[in-house]
Amino acid sequence: MTATTGGTATARPWRPWGGRDLAALVGVLAVCLGIGWLGAAVTLPAIPTWYAGLAKPAFTPPNGVFGPVWTILYVMIAVAVWRVARAPAADAPRRQALLWNAAQLVANSAWSFAFFGARNPALGLAVIVVLVVAIVVAMAKTATVDRPAAALLLPYLAWVAFAAVLNGAIVAMN
C-alpha cells in the first residue's frame, strides 16, 4: 500500500470504506473466520464426547461462551490485520507484522487439532505456549506499524493466556 520514491516509502491516501479497502477487509474477515470455522469443525464433535469426560477446573467457562468469544476475537484479529495491510508504513515492518499475524493464526488452528483433534491436552499445551509467544511477537511487530491494530490483539492475548491456564489445569487433572 506504499510506493517507493527515491528509497522513501510514501503512503497512498487512505480512503475508508473505499472499494478496495472494503474488499480487503471482507477478504481478511473471511480468512480469519475461516480459520475459526476450521477449528470449530475439529472441536465441536469432541465436546459432547471426549471433552465432556475430562476433569476440568471450576473456572472452566460454559461451553456456550467459547463460540461467541472466538467469533469476536477473530473479527478483531481481522480488523487488526487489515489495518496493518493499509497502514502508511515501510514495507519491511508491515511484512513482518503480517507474517507474524499469519504465524499466530496457524498456531491458533494447530491448537484445535492438537487438543481436540488428537485428543491430547499435553500436545495442546505445547502448542498454546507457542501460540502465546507468536501473539506477543505479532503484537510487537504490529505496534511498529499501527498501535491501534496491536491494541485490538490485546483481548485475544488475554483469552489465549486464560486458555493456556485452563489447558494446563486440564493436563494436571487428567
N, C-alpha and C. Protein backbone atom coordinates (compact mmCIF):
# COMPACT_ATOMS: atom_id res chain seq x y z
N MET A 1 0.80 -1.17 0.00
CA MET A 1 0.00 0.00 0.00
C MET A 1 0.86 1.25 0.00
N THR A 2 2.17 1.06 -0.16
CA THR A 2 3.05 2.22 -0.25
C THR A 2 3.77 2.19 -1.57
N ALA A 3 4.20 3.33 -1.97
CA ALA A 3 5.03 3.44 -3.16
C ALA A 3 6.39 3.90 -2.69
N THR A 4 7.42 3.50 -3.38
CA THR A 4 8.77 3.90 -3.00
C THR A 4 9.25 4.96 -3.98
N THR A 5 9.64 6.10 -3.44
CA THR A 5 10.14 7.20 -4.24
C THR A 5 11.52 7.55 -3.71
N GLY A 6 12.54 7.22 -4.47
CA GLY A 6 13.90 7.55 -4.03
C GLY A 6 14.26 6.88 -2.72
N GLY A 7 13.75 5.67 -2.47
CA GLY A 7 14.08 4.93 -1.26
C GLY A 7 13.21 5.29 -0.07
N THR A 8 12.29 6.22 -0.24
CA THR A 8 11.41 6.63 0.85
C THR A 8 10.01 6.09 0.60
N ALA A 9 9.44 5.48 1.61
CA ALA A 9 8.08 4.93 1.48
C ALA A 9 7.08 6.07 1.63
N THR A 10 6.14 6.13 0.71
CA THR A 10 5.06 7.10 0.81
C THR A 10 3.74 6.35 0.79
N ALA A 11 2.82 6.79 1.59
CA ALA A 11 1.54 6.09 1.71
C ALA A 11 0.57 6.58 0.64
N ARG A 12 -0.24 5.64 0.17
CA ARG A 12 -1.37 6.02 -0.67
C ARG A 12 -2.38 6.71 0.23
N PRO A 13 -3.16 7.59 -0.33
CA PRO A 13 -4.19 8.21 0.52
C PRO A 13 -5.15 7.15 1.05
N TRP A 14 -5.47 7.25 2.32
CA TRP A 14 -6.37 6.28 2.93
C TRP A 14 -7.79 6.71 2.67
N ARG A 15 -8.54 5.85 2.03
CA ARG A 15 -9.95 6.11 1.76
C ARG A 15 -10.76 5.09 2.54
N PRO A 16 -11.25 5.46 3.72
CA PRO A 16 -12.02 4.48 4.49
C PRO A 16 -13.24 4.02 3.71
N TRP A 17 -13.42 2.73 3.71
CA TRP A 17 -14.56 2.08 3.09
C TRP A 17 -14.61 2.27 1.59
N GLY A 18 -13.47 2.56 0.99
CA GLY A 18 -13.39 2.56 -0.47
C GLY A 18 -13.51 1.14 -0.97
N GLY A 19 -13.72 0.98 -2.26
CA GLY A 19 -13.95 -0.35 -2.84
C GLY A 19 -12.87 -1.36 -2.51
N ARG A 20 -11.61 -1.02 -2.74
CA ARG A 20 -10.54 -1.99 -2.45
C ARG A 20 -10.37 -2.20 -0.96
N ASP A 21 -10.54 -1.15 -0.17
CA ASP A 21 -10.42 -1.29 1.28
C ASP A 21 -11.49 -2.23 1.82
N LEU A 22 -12.70 -2.04 1.37
CA LEU A 22 -13.80 -2.89 1.83
C LEU A 22 -13.59 -4.33 1.38
N ALA A 23 -13.16 -4.52 0.14
CA ALA A 23 -12.90 -5.88 -0.36
C ALA A 23 -11.78 -6.53 0.43
N ALA A 24 -10.75 -5.76 0.77
CA ALA A 24 -9.64 -6.31 1.56
C ALA A 24 -10.11 -6.70 2.95
N LEU A 25 -10.93 -5.86 3.57
CA LEU A 25 -11.46 -6.17 4.90
C LEU A 25 -12.31 -7.43 4.85
N VAL A 26 -13.18 -7.52 3.86
CA VAL A 26 -14.02 -8.72 3.73
C VAL A 26 -13.15 -9.96 3.51
N GLY A 27 -12.10 -9.83 2.72
CA GLY A 27 -11.19 -10.96 2.49
C GLY A 27 -10.49 -11.40 3.76
N VAL A 28 -9.99 -10.45 4.53
CA VAL A 28 -9.30 -10.79 5.78
C VAL A 28 -10.29 -11.38 6.78
N LEU A 29 -11.49 -10.83 6.84
CA LEU A 29 -12.52 -11.41 7.71
C LEU A 29 -12.81 -12.85 7.31
N ALA A 30 -12.91 -13.10 6.01
CA ALA A 30 -13.19 -14.46 5.54
C ALA A 30 -12.07 -15.42 5.94
N VAL A 31 -10.83 -14.99 5.84
CA VAL A 31 -9.71 -15.85 6.22
C VAL A 31 -9.75 -16.13 7.72
N CYS A 32 -9.88 -15.08 8.53
CA CYS A 32 -9.87 -15.27 9.98
C CYS A 32 -11.06 -16.10 10.46
N LEU A 33 -12.25 -15.78 9.95
CA LEU A 33 -13.42 -16.57 10.35
C LEU A 33 -13.35 -17.99 9.79
N GLY A 34 -12.71 -18.15 8.64
CA GLY A 34 -12.49 -19.49 8.08
C GLY A 34 -11.58 -20.33 8.96
N ILE A 35 -10.57 -19.70 9.51
CA ILE A 35 -9.69 -20.40 10.45
C ILE A 35 -10.48 -20.80 11.69
N GLY A 36 -11.34 -19.91 12.14
CA GLY A 36 -12.21 -20.24 13.27
C GLY A 36 -13.15 -21.39 12.94
N TRP A 37 -13.70 -21.38 11.75
CA TRP A 37 -14.60 -22.46 11.32
C TRP A 37 -13.85 -23.79 11.27
N LEU A 38 -12.61 -23.76 10.77
CA LEU A 38 -11.79 -24.97 10.71
C LEU A 38 -11.57 -25.54 12.11
N GLY A 39 -11.23 -24.65 13.05
CA GLY A 39 -11.05 -25.09 14.43
C GLY A 39 -12.33 -25.64 15.02
N ALA A 40 -13.45 -24.99 14.73
CA ALA A 40 -14.74 -25.46 15.24
C ALA A 40 -15.10 -26.81 14.65
N ALA A 41 -14.76 -27.04 13.39
CA ALA A 41 -15.08 -28.32 12.75
C ALA A 41 -14.36 -29.48 13.45
N VAL A 42 -13.19 -29.21 13.99
CA VAL A 42 -12.44 -30.23 14.73
C VAL A 42 -12.93 -30.32 16.17
N THR A 43 -13.27 -29.18 16.73
CA THR A 43 -13.62 -29.08 18.14
C THR A 43 -15.02 -29.60 18.46
N LEU A 44 -16.01 -29.15 17.73
CA LEU A 44 -17.41 -29.43 18.08
C LEU A 44 -17.75 -30.91 18.23
N PRO A 45 -17.26 -31.79 17.36
CA PRO A 45 -17.60 -33.21 17.56
C PRO A 45 -17.04 -33.81 18.85
N ALA A 46 -15.94 -33.23 19.35
CA ALA A 46 -15.31 -33.78 20.55
C ALA A 46 -15.92 -33.27 21.84
N ILE A 47 -16.68 -32.19 21.80
CA ILE A 47 -17.20 -31.58 23.03
C ILE A 47 -18.17 -32.50 23.78
N PRO A 48 -19.20 -33.04 23.12
CA PRO A 48 -20.15 -33.86 23.90
C PRO A 48 -19.61 -35.24 24.27
N THR A 49 -18.53 -35.63 23.69
CA THR A 49 -17.99 -36.98 23.95
C THR A 49 -16.71 -36.89 24.77
N TRP A 50 -15.61 -36.75 24.12
CA TRP A 50 -14.30 -36.79 24.77
C TRP A 50 -14.13 -35.65 25.78
N TYR A 51 -14.38 -34.41 25.37
CA TYR A 51 -14.17 -33.25 26.24
C TYR A 51 -15.08 -33.30 27.46
N ALA A 52 -16.32 -33.76 27.28
CA ALA A 52 -17.26 -33.85 28.40
C ALA A 52 -16.75 -34.81 29.48
N GLY A 53 -15.96 -35.80 29.09
CA GLY A 53 -15.45 -36.77 30.04
C GLY A 53 -14.19 -36.36 30.76
N LEU A 54 -13.60 -35.23 30.38
CA LEU A 54 -12.38 -34.77 31.04
C LEU A 54 -12.70 -34.10 32.37
N ALA A 55 -11.79 -34.25 33.32
CA ALA A 55 -11.88 -33.47 34.56
C ALA A 55 -11.42 -32.05 34.20
N LYS A 56 -12.22 -31.05 34.64
CA LYS A 56 -11.91 -29.66 34.33
C LYS A 56 -11.97 -28.83 35.60
N PRO A 57 -11.18 -27.75 35.67
CA PRO A 57 -11.20 -26.91 36.87
C PRO A 57 -12.51 -26.13 36.99
N ALA A 58 -12.76 -25.63 38.18
CA ALA A 58 -14.00 -24.90 38.46
C ALA A 58 -14.12 -23.61 37.63
N PHE A 59 -13.00 -23.07 37.17
CA PHE A 59 -13.04 -21.81 36.41
C PHE A 59 -13.27 -22.04 34.91
N THR A 60 -13.61 -23.25 34.52
CA THR A 60 -13.89 -23.54 33.11
C THR A 60 -15.20 -22.84 32.71
N PRO A 61 -15.14 -22.00 31.67
CA PRO A 61 -16.38 -21.34 31.23
C PRO A 61 -17.37 -22.35 30.66
N PRO A 62 -18.65 -22.01 30.65
CA PRO A 62 -19.63 -22.89 30.00
C PRO A 62 -19.30 -23.03 28.51
N ASN A 63 -19.60 -24.17 27.93
CA ASN A 63 -19.28 -24.41 26.53
C ASN A 63 -19.85 -23.35 25.60
N GLY A 64 -21.02 -22.79 25.92
CA GLY A 64 -21.66 -21.80 25.07
C GLY A 64 -20.94 -20.47 24.99
N VAL A 65 -19.96 -20.24 25.85
CA VAL A 65 -19.21 -18.98 25.85
C VAL A 65 -18.17 -18.96 24.73
N PHE A 66 -17.61 -20.11 24.42
CA PHE A 66 -16.45 -20.16 23.52
C PHE A 66 -16.76 -19.66 22.11
N GLY A 67 -17.86 -20.07 21.52
CA GLY A 67 -18.17 -19.66 20.15
C GLY A 67 -18.30 -18.16 19.99
N PRO A 68 -19.13 -17.50 20.80
CA PRO A 68 -19.24 -16.04 20.66
C PRO A 68 -17.93 -15.30 20.94
N VAL A 69 -17.19 -15.73 21.96
CA VAL A 69 -15.93 -15.07 22.27
C VAL A 69 -14.96 -15.21 21.10
N TRP A 70 -14.82 -16.42 20.57
CA TRP A 70 -13.90 -16.63 19.46
C TRP A 70 -14.32 -15.86 18.22
N THR A 71 -15.61 -15.77 17.97
CA THR A 71 -16.07 -15.02 16.80
C THR A 71 -15.66 -13.55 16.93
N ILE A 72 -15.89 -12.98 18.09
CA ILE A 72 -15.49 -11.58 18.32
C ILE A 72 -13.98 -11.43 18.16
N LEU A 73 -13.23 -12.36 18.73
CA LEU A 73 -11.76 -12.26 18.65
C LEU A 73 -11.27 -12.38 17.21
N TYR A 74 -11.85 -13.29 16.43
CA TYR A 74 -11.44 -13.42 15.03
C TYR A 74 -11.76 -12.16 14.24
N VAL A 75 -12.87 -11.52 14.52
CA VAL A 75 -13.19 -10.26 13.85
C VAL A 75 -12.17 -9.19 14.24
N MET A 76 -11.80 -9.12 15.52
CA MET A 76 -10.81 -8.15 15.97
C MET A 76 -9.45 -8.42 15.34
N ILE A 77 -9.06 -9.68 15.21
CA ILE A 77 -7.80 -10.03 14.55
C ILE A 77 -7.85 -9.58 13.10
N ALA A 78 -8.97 -9.83 12.43
CA ALA A 78 -9.11 -9.45 11.03
C ALA A 78 -8.97 -7.94 10.85
N VAL A 79 -9.61 -7.18 11.71
CA VAL A 79 -9.52 -5.73 11.61
C VAL A 79 -8.08 -5.28 11.87
N ALA A 80 -7.41 -5.90 12.82
CA ALA A 80 -6.00 -5.55 13.09
C ALA A 80 -5.14 -5.84 11.87
N VAL A 81 -5.30 -7.00 11.28
CA VAL A 81 -4.51 -7.35 10.09
C VAL A 81 -4.82 -6.40 8.95
N TRP A 82 -6.07 -6.09 8.76
CA TRP A 82 -6.48 -5.17 7.70
C TRP A 82 -5.85 -3.79 7.91
N ARG A 83 -5.85 -3.33 9.15
CA ARG A 83 -5.23 -2.03 9.45
C ARG A 83 -3.74 -2.06 9.14
N VAL A 84 -3.07 -3.14 9.47
CA VAL A 84 -1.64 -3.26 9.18
C VAL A 84 -1.42 -3.24 7.67
N ALA A 85 -2.24 -3.97 6.94
CA ALA A 85 -2.08 -4.02 5.49
C ALA A 85 -2.30 -2.65 4.85
N ARG A 86 -3.13 -1.82 5.43
CA ARG A 86 -3.44 -0.50 4.89
C ARG A 86 -2.59 0.61 5.49
N ALA A 87 -1.82 0.33 6.51
CA ALA A 87 -1.09 1.38 7.21
C ALA A 87 -0.03 2.02 6.31
N PRO A 88 0.16 3.33 6.47
CA PRO A 88 1.22 4.00 5.72
C PRO A 88 2.57 3.78 6.39
N ALA A 89 3.10 2.58 6.23
CA ALA A 89 4.37 2.22 6.86
C ALA A 89 5.30 1.65 5.80
N ALA A 90 6.56 1.56 6.16
CA ALA A 90 7.53 0.95 5.25
C ALA A 90 7.17 -0.51 5.03
N ASP A 91 7.56 -1.04 3.89
CA ASP A 91 7.16 -2.41 3.53
C ASP A 91 7.72 -3.48 4.47
N ALA A 92 8.98 -3.37 4.90
CA ALA A 92 9.58 -4.42 5.73
C ALA A 92 8.86 -4.60 7.07
N PRO A 93 8.61 -3.53 7.83
CA PRO A 93 7.88 -3.72 9.09
C PRO A 93 6.46 -4.25 8.87
N ARG A 94 5.80 -3.77 7.83
CA ARG A 94 4.45 -4.25 7.54
C ARG A 94 4.49 -5.74 7.21
N ARG A 95 5.45 -6.15 6.38
CA ARG A 95 5.58 -7.57 6.01
C ARG A 95 5.83 -8.42 7.24
N GLN A 96 6.70 -7.97 8.14
CA GLN A 96 6.97 -8.74 9.37
C GLN A 96 5.72 -8.85 10.23
N ALA A 97 4.97 -7.77 10.36
CA ALA A 97 3.74 -7.80 11.16
C ALA A 97 2.73 -8.76 10.54
N LEU A 98 2.60 -8.71 9.23
CA LEU A 98 1.65 -9.62 8.56
C LEU A 98 2.10 -11.07 8.67
N LEU A 99 3.39 -11.33 8.54
CA LEU A 99 3.89 -12.71 8.66
C LEU A 99 3.68 -13.25 10.07
N TRP A 100 3.93 -12.44 11.08
CA TRP A 100 3.73 -12.91 12.45
C TRP A 100 2.26 -13.10 12.77
N ASN A 101 1.41 -12.27 12.19
CA ASN A 101 -0.02 -12.48 12.38
C ASN A 101 -0.47 -13.76 11.68
N ALA A 102 0.09 -14.04 10.53
CA ALA A 102 -0.21 -15.31 9.85
C ALA A 102 0.29 -16.48 10.69
N ALA A 103 1.47 -16.34 11.27
CA ALA A 103 2.04 -17.42 12.09
C ALA A 103 1.17 -17.70 13.32
N GLN A 104 0.68 -16.64 13.96
CA GLN A 104 -0.15 -16.87 15.15
C GLN A 104 -1.48 -17.50 14.76
N LEU A 105 -2.00 -17.17 13.58
CA LEU A 105 -3.25 -17.81 13.13
C LEU A 105 -3.03 -19.29 12.82
N VAL A 106 -1.87 -19.63 12.27
CA VAL A 106 -1.55 -21.05 12.02
C VAL A 106 -1.44 -21.79 13.35
N ALA A 107 -0.75 -21.19 14.32
CA ALA A 107 -0.63 -21.82 15.65
C ALA A 107 -2.00 -21.93 16.32
N ASN A 108 -2.85 -20.94 16.12
CA ASN A 108 -4.20 -20.97 16.66
C ASN A 108 -4.95 -22.19 16.13
N SER A 109 -4.90 -22.37 14.84
CA SER A 109 -5.57 -23.52 14.22
C SER A 109 -4.95 -24.84 14.68
N ALA A 110 -3.64 -24.85 14.80
CA ALA A 110 -2.93 -26.07 15.22
C ALA A 110 -3.37 -26.50 16.61
N TRP A 111 -3.69 -25.54 17.48
CA TRP A 111 -4.11 -25.90 18.83
C TRP A 111 -5.39 -26.74 18.79
N SER A 112 -6.36 -26.35 17.97
CA SER A 112 -7.60 -27.13 17.88
C SER A 112 -7.33 -28.56 17.45
N PHE A 113 -6.43 -28.70 16.50
CA PHE A 113 -6.09 -30.05 16.02
C PHE A 113 -5.33 -30.84 17.07
N ALA A 114 -4.46 -30.17 17.84
CA ALA A 114 -3.69 -30.87 18.88
C ALA A 114 -4.58 -31.27 20.05
N PHE A 115 -5.33 -30.30 20.58
CA PHE A 115 -6.12 -30.56 21.78
C PHE A 115 -7.34 -31.42 21.46
N PHE A 116 -8.17 -30.97 20.54
CA PHE A 116 -9.43 -31.67 20.25
C PHE A 116 -9.28 -32.74 19.17
N GLY A 117 -8.58 -32.42 18.10
CA GLY A 117 -8.43 -33.39 17.00
C GLY A 117 -7.66 -34.62 17.44
N ALA A 118 -6.50 -34.40 18.05
CA ALA A 118 -5.67 -35.51 18.52
C ALA A 118 -6.11 -35.97 19.91
N ARG A 119 -7.01 -35.20 20.51
CA ARG A 119 -7.49 -35.50 21.88
C ARG A 119 -6.31 -35.66 22.84
N ASN A 120 -5.43 -34.65 22.76
CA ASN A 120 -4.18 -34.70 23.50
C ASN A 120 -3.95 -33.36 24.20
N PRO A 121 -4.43 -33.20 25.43
CA PRO A 121 -4.25 -31.94 26.14
C PRO A 121 -2.78 -31.54 26.33
N ALA A 122 -1.89 -32.49 26.51
CA ALA A 122 -0.47 -32.16 26.69
C ALA A 122 0.10 -31.56 25.40
N LEU A 123 -0.23 -32.14 24.27
CA LEU A 123 0.19 -31.57 22.99
C LEU A 123 -0.45 -30.19 22.80
N GLY A 124 -1.71 -30.07 23.17
CA GLY A 124 -2.38 -28.77 23.11
C GLY A 124 -1.66 -27.73 23.94
N LEU A 125 -1.20 -28.12 25.13
CA LEU A 125 -0.47 -27.19 25.99
C LEU A 125 0.82 -26.72 25.33
N ALA A 126 1.54 -27.64 24.70
CA ALA A 126 2.77 -27.25 24.00
C ALA A 126 2.45 -26.27 22.86
N VAL A 127 1.40 -26.54 22.13
CA VAL A 127 1.04 -25.66 21.01
C VAL A 127 0.56 -24.30 21.51
N ILE A 128 -0.19 -24.28 22.60
CA ILE A 128 -0.71 -22.99 23.07
C ILE A 128 0.40 -22.11 23.64
N VAL A 129 1.46 -22.71 24.16
CA VAL A 129 2.61 -21.91 24.59
C VAL A 129 3.24 -21.23 23.36
N VAL A 130 3.39 -21.98 22.28
CA VAL A 130 3.90 -21.40 21.03
C VAL A 130 2.95 -20.30 20.55
N LEU A 131 1.65 -20.54 20.65
CA LEU A 131 0.66 -19.56 20.23
C LEU A 131 0.80 -18.26 21.03
N VAL A 132 0.94 -18.36 22.34
CA VAL A 132 1.08 -17.15 23.16
C VAL A 132 2.31 -16.36 22.72
N VAL A 133 3.42 -17.04 22.51
CA VAL A 133 4.64 -16.36 22.06
C VAL A 133 4.41 -15.71 20.70
N ALA A 134 3.77 -16.43 19.79
CA ALA A 134 3.51 -15.89 18.45
C ALA A 134 2.61 -14.65 18.52
N ILE A 135 1.62 -14.66 19.41
CA ILE A 135 0.74 -13.50 19.56
C ILE A 135 1.53 -12.31 20.10
N VAL A 136 2.38 -12.54 21.10
CA VAL A 136 3.18 -11.45 21.68
C VAL A 136 4.09 -10.85 20.60
N VAL A 137 4.74 -11.68 19.82
CA VAL A 137 5.62 -11.16 18.76
C VAL A 137 4.78 -10.45 17.69
N ALA A 138 3.64 -11.04 17.32
CA ALA A 138 2.76 -10.40 16.33
C ALA A 138 2.32 -9.02 16.83
N MET A 139 1.99 -8.93 18.12
CA MET A 139 1.58 -7.64 18.68
C MET A 139 2.73 -6.63 18.63
N ALA A 140 3.93 -7.08 18.97
CA ALA A 140 5.08 -6.17 18.94
C ALA A 140 5.36 -5.69 17.53
N LYS A 141 5.32 -6.60 16.57
CA LYS A 141 5.56 -6.22 15.17
C LYS A 141 4.43 -5.33 14.66
N THR A 142 3.21 -5.64 15.05
CA THR A 142 2.05 -4.84 14.64
C THR A 142 2.13 -3.44 15.21
N ALA A 143 2.58 -3.31 16.45
CA ALA A 143 2.69 -2.00 17.09
C ALA A 143 3.65 -1.08 16.36
N THR A 144 4.66 -1.65 15.69
CA THR A 144 5.60 -0.80 14.94
C THR A 144 4.95 -0.20 13.70
N VAL A 145 3.84 -0.80 13.27
CA VAL A 145 3.14 -0.34 12.07
C VAL A 145 1.89 0.45 12.42
N ASP A 146 1.11 -0.05 13.40
CA ASP A 146 -0.18 0.56 13.73
C ASP A 146 -0.53 0.19 15.17
N ARG A 147 -0.35 1.12 16.08
CA ARG A 147 -0.61 0.84 17.50
C ARG A 147 -2.05 0.45 17.79
N PRO A 148 -3.04 1.11 17.21
CA PRO A 148 -4.42 0.65 17.46
C PRO A 148 -4.66 -0.79 17.00
N ALA A 149 -4.01 -1.19 15.93
CA ALA A 149 -4.14 -2.59 15.47
C ALA A 149 -3.56 -3.53 16.52
N ALA A 150 -2.43 -3.16 17.09
CA ALA A 150 -1.83 -4.00 18.14
C ALA A 150 -2.75 -4.07 19.35
N ALA A 151 -3.40 -2.95 19.68
CA ALA A 151 -4.32 -2.93 20.82
C ALA A 151 -5.52 -3.85 20.57
N LEU A 152 -5.92 -3.98 19.33
CA LEU A 152 -7.03 -4.89 19.01
C LEU A 152 -6.68 -6.35 19.33
N LEU A 153 -5.40 -6.66 19.41
CA LEU A 153 -4.97 -8.03 19.71
C LEU A 153 -4.86 -8.31 21.21
N LEU A 154 -4.97 -7.28 22.04
CA LEU A 154 -4.86 -7.49 23.50
C LEU A 154 -5.92 -8.43 24.06
N PRO A 155 -7.20 -8.29 23.72
CA PRO A 155 -8.18 -9.24 24.25
C PRO A 155 -7.90 -10.68 23.80
N TYR A 156 -7.41 -10.82 22.60
CA TYR A 156 -7.03 -12.14 22.07
C TYR A 156 -5.92 -12.75 22.92
N LEU A 157 -4.89 -11.95 23.20
CA LEU A 157 -3.79 -12.44 24.04
C LEU A 157 -4.32 -12.82 25.42
N ALA A 158 -5.18 -11.99 26.00
CA ALA A 158 -5.73 -12.29 27.33
C ALA A 158 -6.52 -13.59 27.31
N TRP A 159 -7.36 -13.79 26.29
CA TRP A 159 -8.17 -15.00 26.19
C TRP A 159 -7.30 -16.24 26.00
N VAL A 160 -6.29 -16.13 25.15
CA VAL A 160 -5.41 -17.28 24.91
C VAL A 160 -4.57 -17.57 26.14
N ALA A 161 -4.15 -16.54 26.87
CA ALA A 161 -3.41 -16.78 28.12
C ALA A 161 -4.32 -17.51 29.12
N PHE A 162 -5.58 -17.10 29.21
CA PHE A 162 -6.54 -17.80 30.07
C PHE A 162 -6.71 -19.24 29.59
N ALA A 163 -6.84 -19.43 28.27
CA ALA A 163 -6.98 -20.78 27.70
C ALA A 163 -5.76 -21.64 28.00
N ALA A 164 -4.58 -21.02 28.03
CA ALA A 164 -3.36 -21.77 28.35
C ALA A 164 -3.40 -22.26 29.80
N VAL A 165 -3.87 -21.40 30.70
CA VAL A 165 -4.00 -21.81 32.11
C VAL A 165 -5.03 -22.93 32.22
N LEU A 166 -6.15 -22.79 31.54
CA LEU A 166 -7.18 -23.82 31.53
C LEU A 166 -6.64 -25.12 30.96
N ASN A 167 -5.92 -25.03 29.85
CA ASN A 167 -5.32 -26.21 29.23
C ASN A 167 -4.34 -26.88 30.20
N GLY A 168 -3.52 -26.07 30.87
CA GLY A 168 -2.57 -26.63 31.84
C GLY A 168 -3.28 -27.34 33.00
N ALA A 169 -4.37 -26.73 33.47
CA ALA A 169 -5.14 -27.35 34.55
C ALA A 169 -5.75 -28.68 34.10
N ILE A 170 -6.23 -28.73 32.86
CA ILE A 170 -6.79 -29.97 32.34
C ILE A 170 -5.72 -31.05 32.24
N VAL A 171 -4.52 -30.67 31.82
CA VAL A 171 -3.42 -31.63 31.78
C VAL A 171 -3.14 -32.15 33.18
N ALA A 172 -3.07 -31.24 34.15
CA ALA A 172 -2.76 -31.64 35.52
C ALA A 172 -3.85 -32.53 36.12
N MET A 173 -5.10 -32.30 35.75
CA MET A 173 -6.22 -33.05 36.35
C MET A 173 -6.50 -34.39 35.65
N ASN A 174 -5.94 -34.56 34.48
CA ASN A 174 -6.21 -35.79 33.74
C ASN A 174 -4.92 -36.55 33.56
